[in-house]
Amino acid sequence: MGIRETLNKNPGITTGGTAAIILIAVGFIIYQLSGGGAPSVATEAYFTIDDGQTWFADDINKIPPFQKDGKEAVKAYVYKCADGKAFVSHLERYTAEGKKALEAAQKSNDPNNPVVLEDVMANGVEVKKPKAPAWVKQSNSAIAGKVMELKCPDGKVEGIEPVVP
C-alpha cells in the first residue's frame, strides 16, 4: 500500500500532519519577524579624536570629520588580533567637498543616490594609519591599499576580527 492510499484511508493522520506543518511554518515566520533569525543592522561605528590611541562609539551616520570635545573626530577601524588585543587598523575621513556632498545627499529626497556616493567614494575619502603624518586619498589605490592593509601590530594577519560597537 502506497503513501497516498494510507493517507486516504486515515484522514486524521492527514489532517494532523497538515496542521503540524502549518504550525511550524507560522512559528518560523513569527521567529523571523521578531528578529530572532535576522542579522542586526549596525547603528554605531568607532571614531577617535586622538589619532587612534583611544576610540569611542557614536552614530554610524555621522560624517567625519566632526567636532567632539573641541577636537576633530575621524572614523577608526577597530580590530582585535588572535591574542585578543584591540587595535586601530586605519583612520578615515571625508574631504571638505566629499562631506559637503554627503550632507547635501542626506538632506535630499535621494540620500543613497548612487552617482553622488560613487563620486564621493572615488574622490572624497582620505585614509591614514594612526600616527602617520599625512592623509592619503582613497582613490590613490596603491598607497591607500597599503594604508588599509589589515594586519596586527606584530605583523600577523591570521585570526583578525572586527570589533563591533
N, C-alpha and C. Protein backbone atom coordinates (compact mmCIF):
# COMPACT_ATOMS: atom_id res chain seq x y z
N MET A 1 0.85 -1.17 0.00
CA MET A 1 0.00 0.00 0.00
C MET A 1 0.90 1.23 0.00
N GLY A 2 0.59 2.24 -0.87
CA GLY A 2 1.39 3.45 -1.00
C GLY A 2 1.00 4.52 0.01
N ILE A 3 1.76 5.59 0.02
CA ILE A 3 1.52 6.69 0.96
C ILE A 3 0.16 7.32 0.70
N ARG A 4 -0.17 7.52 -0.58
CA ARG A 4 -1.44 8.15 -0.91
C ARG A 4 -2.61 7.32 -0.40
N GLU A 5 -2.56 6.02 -0.57
CA GLU A 5 -3.65 5.15 -0.11
C GLU A 5 -3.76 5.19 1.40
N THR A 6 -2.61 5.19 2.10
CA THR A 6 -2.62 5.24 3.56
C THR A 6 -3.26 6.54 4.03
N LEU A 7 -2.88 7.66 3.40
CA LEU A 7 -3.45 8.95 3.80
C LEU A 7 -4.94 9.02 3.49
N ASN A 8 -5.38 8.44 2.39
CA ASN A 8 -6.79 8.44 2.04
C ASN A 8 -7.61 7.62 3.04
N LYS A 9 -7.03 6.53 3.56
CA LYS A 9 -7.75 5.67 4.49
C LYS A 9 -7.71 6.21 5.92
N ASN A 10 -6.78 7.11 6.21
CA ASN A 10 -6.63 7.67 7.56
C ASN A 10 -6.63 9.21 7.49
N PRO A 11 -7.80 9.83 7.34
CA PRO A 11 -7.86 11.29 7.20
C PRO A 11 -7.37 12.02 8.46
N GLY A 12 -7.42 11.38 9.60
CA GLY A 12 -6.93 12.01 10.83
C GLY A 12 -5.44 12.26 10.77
N ILE A 13 -4.68 11.29 10.20
CA ILE A 13 -3.23 11.46 10.07
C ILE A 13 -2.94 12.60 9.09
N THR A 14 -3.69 12.67 8.00
CA THR A 14 -3.51 13.72 7.01
C THR A 14 -3.78 15.09 7.62
N THR A 15 -4.86 15.22 8.34
CA THR A 15 -5.22 16.49 8.97
C THR A 15 -4.18 16.88 10.02
N GLY A 16 -3.77 15.95 10.85
CA GLY A 16 -2.77 16.23 11.88
C GLY A 16 -1.43 16.64 11.28
N GLY A 17 -1.01 15.93 10.24
CA GLY A 17 0.26 16.26 9.58
C GLY A 17 0.23 17.64 8.94
N THR A 18 -0.89 17.95 8.29
CA THR A 18 -1.04 19.26 7.65
C THR A 18 -1.04 20.36 8.70
N ALA A 19 -1.76 20.16 9.81
CA ALA A 19 -1.81 21.16 10.88
C ALA A 19 -0.42 21.36 11.49
N ALA A 20 0.34 20.30 11.67
CA ALA A 20 1.69 20.42 12.23
C ALA A 20 2.60 21.23 11.31
N ILE A 21 2.52 20.97 10.01
CA ILE A 21 3.34 21.72 9.05
C ILE A 21 2.97 23.20 9.07
N ILE A 22 1.68 23.50 9.12
CA ILE A 22 1.23 24.90 9.17
C ILE A 22 1.72 25.58 10.45
N LEU A 23 1.62 24.90 11.59
CA LEU A 23 2.08 25.49 12.86
C LEU A 23 3.59 25.74 12.85
N ILE A 24 4.35 24.83 12.28
CA ILE A 24 5.81 25.02 12.20
C ILE A 24 6.11 26.23 11.31
N ALA A 25 5.43 26.34 10.18
CA ALA A 25 5.66 27.47 9.27
C ALA A 25 5.30 28.79 9.93
N VAL A 26 4.16 28.85 10.61
CA VAL A 26 3.75 30.09 11.31
C VAL A 26 4.75 30.43 12.41
N GLY A 27 5.21 29.44 13.15
CA GLY A 27 6.21 29.68 14.19
C GLY A 27 7.50 30.23 13.62
N PHE A 28 7.93 29.69 12.50
CA PHE A 28 9.15 30.16 11.85
C PHE A 28 8.98 31.60 11.39
N ILE A 29 7.84 31.95 10.83
CA ILE A 29 7.58 33.32 10.37
C ILE A 29 7.61 34.28 11.55
N ILE A 30 6.98 33.93 12.65
CA ILE A 30 6.97 34.78 13.85
C ILE A 30 8.38 34.95 14.38
N TYR A 31 9.16 33.89 14.39
CA TYR A 31 10.55 33.95 14.85
C TYR A 31 11.35 34.93 13.99
N GLN A 32 11.19 34.87 12.68
CA GLN A 32 11.92 35.76 11.77
C GLN A 32 11.48 37.21 11.96
N LEU A 33 10.19 37.46 12.10
CA LEU A 33 9.68 38.82 12.25
C LEU A 33 10.08 39.43 13.58
N SER A 34 10.27 38.62 14.60
CA SER A 34 10.65 39.15 15.91
C SER A 34 12.14 39.42 16.00
N GLY A 35 12.87 39.19 14.92
CA GLY A 35 14.29 39.48 14.90
C GLY A 35 15.15 38.31 15.33
N GLY A 36 14.56 37.18 15.56
CA GLY A 36 15.31 36.03 16.03
C GLY A 36 16.33 35.51 15.04
N GLY A 37 16.02 35.54 13.76
CA GLY A 37 16.95 34.99 12.80
C GLY A 37 17.54 36.03 11.87
N ALA A 38 17.14 37.28 12.06
CA ALA A 38 17.63 38.33 11.17
C ALA A 38 18.91 38.95 11.73
N PRO A 39 19.87 39.22 10.88
CA PRO A 39 21.09 39.89 11.37
C PRO A 39 20.76 41.31 11.78
N SER A 40 21.47 41.80 12.79
CA SER A 40 21.22 43.17 13.23
C SER A 40 21.94 44.14 12.31
N VAL A 41 21.39 45.33 12.22
CA VAL A 41 21.98 46.37 11.40
C VAL A 41 22.78 47.29 12.31
N ALA A 42 23.99 47.57 11.92
CA ALA A 42 24.86 48.42 12.74
C ALA A 42 24.27 49.82 12.84
N THR A 43 24.27 50.37 14.04
CA THR A 43 23.81 51.74 14.27
C THR A 43 24.93 52.62 14.79
N GLU A 44 26.05 52.01 15.14
CA GLU A 44 27.19 52.77 15.66
C GLU A 44 28.47 52.36 14.95
N ALA A 45 29.43 53.26 14.97
CA ALA A 45 30.76 53.00 14.44
C ALA A 45 31.75 53.59 15.44
N TYR A 46 33.01 53.24 15.27
CA TYR A 46 34.05 53.79 16.15
C TYR A 46 34.67 55.04 15.52
N PHE A 47 34.98 56.00 16.38
CA PHE A 47 35.63 57.23 15.98
C PHE A 47 36.74 57.52 16.99
N THR A 48 37.66 58.39 16.62
CA THR A 48 38.76 58.76 17.50
C THR A 48 39.04 60.26 17.38
N ILE A 49 39.49 60.85 18.48
CA ILE A 49 39.90 62.26 18.46
C ILE A 49 41.39 62.39 18.77
N ASP A 50 42.07 61.26 18.97
CA ASP A 50 43.50 61.31 19.33
C ASP A 50 44.34 60.39 18.45
N ASP A 51 44.03 60.40 17.17
CA ASP A 51 44.82 59.67 16.18
C ASP A 51 44.85 58.16 16.42
N GLY A 52 43.73 57.62 16.94
CA GLY A 52 43.60 56.18 17.09
C GLY A 52 44.13 55.60 18.40
N GLN A 53 44.60 56.45 19.31
CA GLN A 53 45.10 55.94 20.58
C GLN A 53 43.94 55.43 21.45
N THR A 54 42.82 56.12 21.38
CA THR A 54 41.57 55.67 22.03
C THR A 54 40.46 55.85 21.01
N TRP A 55 39.33 55.22 21.27
CA TRP A 55 38.21 55.33 20.35
C TRP A 55 36.91 55.27 21.14
N PHE A 56 35.85 55.75 20.51
CA PHE A 56 34.53 55.77 21.13
C PHE A 56 33.49 55.43 20.08
N ALA A 57 32.37 54.88 20.53
CA ALA A 57 31.27 54.54 19.63
C ALA A 57 30.34 55.75 19.52
N ASP A 58 29.86 55.99 18.31
CA ASP A 58 28.92 57.07 18.07
C ASP A 58 28.05 56.68 16.89
N ASP A 59 27.10 57.53 16.56
CA ASP A 59 26.15 57.28 15.48
C ASP A 59 26.88 57.01 14.16
N ILE A 60 26.57 55.89 13.54
CA ILE A 60 27.24 55.48 12.30
C ILE A 60 26.96 56.46 11.16
N ASN A 61 25.89 57.25 11.27
CA ASN A 61 25.54 58.19 10.21
C ASN A 61 26.29 59.51 10.29
N LYS A 62 27.09 59.72 11.32
CA LYS A 62 27.88 60.94 11.40
C LYS A 62 28.95 60.90 10.31
N ILE A 63 29.18 62.05 9.70
CA ILE A 63 30.14 62.14 8.60
C ILE A 63 31.43 62.76 9.13
N PRO A 64 32.48 61.95 9.24
CA PRO A 64 33.74 62.51 9.75
C PRO A 64 34.50 63.28 8.68
N PRO A 65 35.21 64.32 9.05
CA PRO A 65 35.45 64.73 10.42
C PRO A 65 34.30 65.57 10.98
N PHE A 66 34.11 65.42 12.30
CA PHE A 66 33.15 66.24 13.02
C PHE A 66 33.78 66.60 14.37
N GLN A 67 33.21 67.58 15.03
CA GLN A 67 33.77 68.06 16.29
C GLN A 67 33.24 67.26 17.47
N LYS A 68 34.16 66.86 18.34
CA LYS A 68 33.81 66.14 19.57
C LYS A 68 34.77 66.64 20.65
N ASP A 69 34.23 67.18 21.71
CA ASP A 69 35.03 67.72 22.82
C ASP A 69 36.09 68.71 22.32
N GLY A 70 35.72 69.51 21.33
CA GLY A 70 36.62 70.54 20.81
C GLY A 70 37.72 70.02 19.90
N LYS A 71 37.65 68.75 19.53
CA LYS A 71 38.67 68.16 18.66
C LYS A 71 38.00 67.53 17.45
N GLU A 72 38.82 67.30 16.42
CA GLU A 72 38.32 66.68 15.20
C GLU A 72 38.22 65.17 15.38
N ALA A 73 37.03 64.62 15.18
CA ALA A 73 36.81 63.17 15.27
C ALA A 73 36.79 62.59 13.87
N VAL A 74 37.48 61.46 13.70
CA VAL A 74 37.51 60.72 12.44
C VAL A 74 37.14 59.27 12.71
N LYS A 75 36.77 58.55 11.68
CA LYS A 75 36.37 57.16 11.83
C LYS A 75 37.59 56.29 12.11
N ALA A 76 37.44 55.34 13.03
CA ALA A 76 38.51 54.42 13.39
C ALA A 76 38.05 53.00 13.09
N TYR A 77 38.85 52.27 12.33
CA TYR A 77 38.55 50.87 12.03
C TYR A 77 39.25 50.01 13.08
N VAL A 78 38.46 49.45 14.00
CA VAL A 78 38.99 48.73 15.15
C VAL A 78 38.86 47.23 14.95
N TYR A 79 39.96 46.53 15.21
CA TYR A 79 40.00 45.07 15.08
C TYR A 79 40.69 44.49 16.31
N LYS A 80 40.56 43.18 16.47
CA LYS A 80 41.33 42.51 17.51
C LYS A 80 42.10 41.36 16.90
N CYS A 81 43.28 41.16 17.45
CA CYS A 81 44.16 40.09 16.97
C CYS A 81 43.78 38.78 17.64
N ALA A 82 44.41 37.71 17.23
CA ALA A 82 44.13 36.39 17.81
C ALA A 82 44.39 36.38 19.31
N ASP A 83 45.31 37.22 19.78
CA ASP A 83 45.60 37.27 21.22
C ASP A 83 44.58 38.10 22.00
N GLY A 84 43.57 38.68 21.30
CA GLY A 84 42.50 39.42 21.95
C GLY A 84 42.76 40.91 22.08
N LYS A 85 43.94 41.38 21.71
CA LYS A 85 44.27 42.80 21.84
C LYS A 85 43.64 43.58 20.69
N ALA A 86 42.93 44.66 21.04
CA ALA A 86 42.30 45.51 20.03
C ALA A 86 43.29 46.56 19.53
N PHE A 87 43.12 46.93 18.27
CA PHE A 87 43.97 47.96 17.66
C PHE A 87 43.19 48.68 16.56
N VAL A 88 43.64 49.87 16.22
CA VAL A 88 43.05 50.62 15.12
C VAL A 88 43.88 50.34 13.87
N SER A 89 43.25 49.76 12.87
CA SER A 89 43.92 49.44 11.62
C SER A 89 44.25 50.71 10.84
N HIS A 90 43.22 51.54 10.65
CA HIS A 90 43.42 52.80 9.94
C HIS A 90 42.30 53.76 10.27
N LEU A 91 42.49 55.00 9.90
CA LEU A 91 41.52 56.07 10.13
C LEU A 91 40.95 56.52 8.80
N GLU A 92 39.74 57.10 8.85
CA GLU A 92 39.10 57.55 7.62
C GLU A 92 38.36 58.85 7.87
N ARG A 93 38.40 59.71 6.90
CA ARG A 93 37.63 60.97 6.94
C ARG A 93 37.28 61.35 5.51
N TYR A 94 36.35 62.29 5.41
CA TYR A 94 35.95 62.81 4.10
C TYR A 94 36.63 64.15 3.87
N THR A 95 36.93 64.45 2.62
CA THR A 95 37.43 65.77 2.27
C THR A 95 36.28 66.76 2.50
N ALA A 96 36.59 68.04 2.51
CA ALA A 96 35.54 69.05 2.68
C ALA A 96 34.48 68.91 1.59
N GLU A 97 34.91 68.66 0.35
CA GLU A 97 33.96 68.52 -0.76
C GLU A 97 33.13 67.24 -0.61
N GLY A 98 33.78 66.15 -0.20
CA GLY A 98 33.06 64.89 -0.01
C GLY A 98 32.03 64.99 1.10
N LYS A 99 32.41 65.62 2.19
CA LYS A 99 31.49 65.79 3.32
C LYS A 99 30.30 66.65 2.92
N LYS A 100 30.58 67.72 2.19
CA LYS A 100 29.51 68.62 1.73
C LYS A 100 28.52 67.87 0.83
N ALA A 101 29.04 67.04 -0.08
CA ALA A 101 28.17 66.27 -0.98
C ALA A 101 27.33 65.26 -0.22
N LEU A 102 27.92 64.59 0.79
CA LEU A 102 27.16 63.62 1.58
C LEU A 102 26.09 64.30 2.42
N GLU A 103 26.42 65.44 3.01
CA GLU A 103 25.43 66.18 3.80
C GLU A 103 24.27 66.64 2.93
N ALA A 104 24.57 67.10 1.73
CA ALA A 104 23.51 67.51 0.80
C ALA A 104 22.65 66.31 0.42
N ALA A 105 23.28 65.17 0.19
CA ALA A 105 22.54 63.96 -0.16
C ALA A 105 21.63 63.52 0.99
N GLN A 106 22.12 63.62 2.24
CA GLN A 106 21.30 63.25 3.39
C GLN A 106 20.05 64.12 3.49
N LYS A 107 20.17 65.39 3.11
CA LYS A 107 19.04 66.32 3.20
C LYS A 107 18.09 66.20 2.02
N SER A 108 18.52 65.54 0.96
CA SER A 108 17.71 65.43 -0.25
C SER A 108 16.70 64.29 -0.14
N ASN A 109 15.90 64.18 -1.19
CA ASN A 109 14.94 63.07 -1.27
C ASN A 109 15.60 61.77 -1.67
N ASP A 110 16.88 61.82 -2.03
CA ASP A 110 17.59 60.63 -2.52
C ASP A 110 18.95 60.50 -1.82
N PRO A 111 18.93 60.18 -0.50
CA PRO A 111 20.19 60.14 0.25
C PRO A 111 21.15 59.04 -0.20
N ASN A 112 20.66 58.04 -0.90
CA ASN A 112 21.51 56.95 -1.37
C ASN A 112 21.75 57.03 -2.88
N ASN A 113 21.76 58.24 -3.40
CA ASN A 113 21.96 58.45 -4.83
C ASN A 113 23.29 57.82 -5.23
N PRO A 114 23.27 56.79 -6.09
CA PRO A 114 24.50 56.08 -6.43
C PRO A 114 25.53 56.95 -7.13
N VAL A 115 25.10 57.95 -7.89
CA VAL A 115 26.04 58.82 -8.59
C VAL A 115 26.83 59.65 -7.57
N VAL A 116 26.13 60.21 -6.59
CA VAL A 116 26.78 61.02 -5.55
C VAL A 116 27.70 60.13 -4.72
N LEU A 117 27.20 58.99 -4.28
CA LEU A 117 28.00 58.10 -3.44
C LEU A 117 29.25 57.60 -4.17
N GLU A 118 29.10 57.26 -5.44
CA GLU A 118 30.25 56.78 -6.21
C GLU A 118 31.29 57.88 -6.36
N ASP A 119 30.84 59.11 -6.62
CA ASP A 119 31.78 60.22 -6.77
C ASP A 119 32.50 60.50 -5.46
N VAL A 120 31.77 60.48 -4.35
CA VAL A 120 32.41 60.72 -3.05
C VAL A 120 33.41 59.62 -2.74
N MET A 121 33.05 58.37 -2.98
CA MET A 121 33.96 57.27 -2.70
C MET A 121 35.20 57.33 -3.60
N ALA A 122 35.03 57.80 -4.80
CA ALA A 122 36.16 57.88 -5.73
C ALA A 122 37.07 59.06 -5.44
N ASN A 123 36.50 60.18 -4.97
CA ASN A 123 37.30 61.40 -4.86
C ASN A 123 37.29 62.07 -3.48
N GLY A 124 36.40 61.65 -2.61
CA GLY A 124 36.23 62.42 -1.38
C GLY A 124 36.57 61.70 -0.09
N VAL A 125 37.30 60.60 -0.14
CA VAL A 125 37.65 59.85 1.08
C VAL A 125 39.16 59.85 1.25
N GLU A 126 39.60 60.09 2.49
CA GLU A 126 41.02 60.04 2.82
C GLU A 126 41.24 59.03 3.94
N VAL A 127 42.38 58.35 3.91
CA VAL A 127 42.72 57.36 4.93
C VAL A 127 44.15 57.59 5.41
N LYS A 128 44.45 57.07 6.59
CA LYS A 128 45.82 57.08 7.09
C LYS A 128 45.95 56.09 8.23
N LYS A 129 47.16 55.66 8.47
CA LYS A 129 47.46 54.83 9.63
C LYS A 129 47.54 55.73 10.85
N PRO A 130 47.20 55.21 12.04
CA PRO A 130 47.41 56.02 13.24
C PRO A 130 48.87 56.45 13.33
N LYS A 131 49.08 57.66 13.77
CA LYS A 131 50.41 58.28 13.94
C LYS A 131 51.09 58.63 12.62
N ALA A 132 50.51 58.29 11.49
CA ALA A 132 51.11 58.68 10.21
C ALA A 132 50.94 60.19 10.03
N PRO A 133 51.90 60.84 9.41
CA PRO A 133 51.83 62.30 9.31
C PRO A 133 50.81 62.82 8.29
N ALA A 134 50.51 62.05 7.25
CA ALA A 134 49.68 62.59 6.17
C ALA A 134 48.52 61.68 5.82
N TRP A 135 47.43 62.32 5.40
CA TRP A 135 46.27 61.60 4.88
C TRP A 135 46.50 61.31 3.40
N VAL A 136 45.94 60.19 2.92
CA VAL A 136 46.07 59.76 1.53
C VAL A 136 44.67 59.60 0.95
N LYS A 137 44.49 60.11 -0.27
CA LYS A 137 43.19 59.91 -0.93
C LYS A 137 42.98 58.43 -1.19
N GLN A 138 41.79 57.95 -0.89
CA GLN A 138 41.49 56.54 -1.09
C GLN A 138 41.55 56.19 -2.57
N SER A 139 41.34 57.17 -3.44
CA SER A 139 41.39 56.92 -4.88
C SER A 139 42.80 56.58 -5.35
N ASN A 140 43.81 56.92 -4.56
CA ASN A 140 45.19 56.53 -4.87
C ASN A 140 45.35 55.09 -4.39
N SER A 141 44.88 54.16 -5.20
CA SER A 141 44.71 52.78 -4.76
C SER A 141 45.98 52.11 -4.27
N ALA A 142 47.11 52.39 -4.86
CA ALA A 142 48.34 51.71 -4.44
C ALA A 142 48.73 52.10 -3.01
N ILE A 143 48.77 53.39 -2.73
CA ILE A 143 49.16 53.85 -1.40
C ILE A 143 48.04 53.60 -0.40
N ALA A 144 46.80 53.90 -0.79
CA ALA A 144 45.66 53.70 0.12
C ALA A 144 45.50 52.23 0.46
N GLY A 145 45.73 51.35 -0.50
CA GLY A 145 45.64 49.91 -0.24
C GLY A 145 46.63 49.48 0.83
N LYS A 146 47.82 50.06 0.80
CA LYS A 146 48.83 49.75 1.82
C LYS A 146 48.38 50.27 3.18
N VAL A 147 47.78 51.48 3.20
CA VAL A 147 47.29 52.06 4.45
C VAL A 147 46.19 51.18 5.05
N MET A 148 45.29 50.69 4.21
CA MET A 148 44.15 49.92 4.69
C MET A 148 44.44 48.43 4.85
N GLU A 149 45.67 48.03 4.56
CA GLU A 149 46.06 46.63 4.70
C GLU A 149 45.85 46.20 6.15
N LEU A 150 45.21 45.08 6.32
CA LEU A 150 44.82 44.62 7.65
C LEU A 150 45.84 43.64 8.22
N LYS A 151 46.55 44.09 9.25
CA LYS A 151 47.46 43.20 9.97
C LYS A 151 47.65 43.73 11.38
N CYS A 152 47.91 42.81 12.29
CA CYS A 152 48.10 43.16 13.69
C CYS A 152 49.39 43.96 13.86
N PRO A 153 49.51 44.70 14.96
CA PRO A 153 50.73 45.47 15.20
C PRO A 153 52.01 44.62 15.16
N ASP A 154 51.89 43.32 15.48
CA ASP A 154 53.07 42.45 15.43
C ASP A 154 53.32 41.88 14.03
N GLY A 155 52.51 42.29 13.05
CA GLY A 155 52.69 41.87 11.67
C GLY A 155 51.88 40.66 11.26
N LYS A 156 51.25 39.98 12.21
CA LYS A 156 50.47 38.79 11.86
C LYS A 156 49.16 39.18 11.18
N VAL A 157 48.70 38.31 10.29
CA VAL A 157 47.45 38.56 9.58
C VAL A 157 46.39 37.50 9.87
N GLU A 158 46.73 36.49 10.63
CA GLU A 158 45.78 35.42 10.94
C GLU A 158 44.98 35.78 12.19
N GLY A 159 43.73 35.36 12.21
CA GLY A 159 42.89 35.48 13.40
C GLY A 159 42.41 36.88 13.71
N ILE A 160 42.42 37.78 12.75
CA ILE A 160 41.95 39.16 12.98
C ILE A 160 40.43 39.21 12.82
N GLU A 161 39.78 39.86 13.78
CA GLU A 161 38.33 40.01 13.75
C GLU A 161 37.95 41.46 14.00
N PRO A 162 36.87 41.95 13.36
CA PRO A 162 36.43 43.31 13.64
C PRO A 162 35.85 43.41 15.05
N VAL A 163 36.04 44.54 15.69
CA VAL A 163 35.42 44.82 16.99
C VAL A 163 34.18 45.64 16.69
N VAL A 164 33.02 45.14 17.11
CA VAL A 164 31.75 45.78 16.81
C VAL A 164 31.30 46.60 18.02
N PRO A 165 30.91 47.85 17.79
CA PRO A 165 30.44 48.68 18.93
C PRO A 165 29.19 48.12 19.56
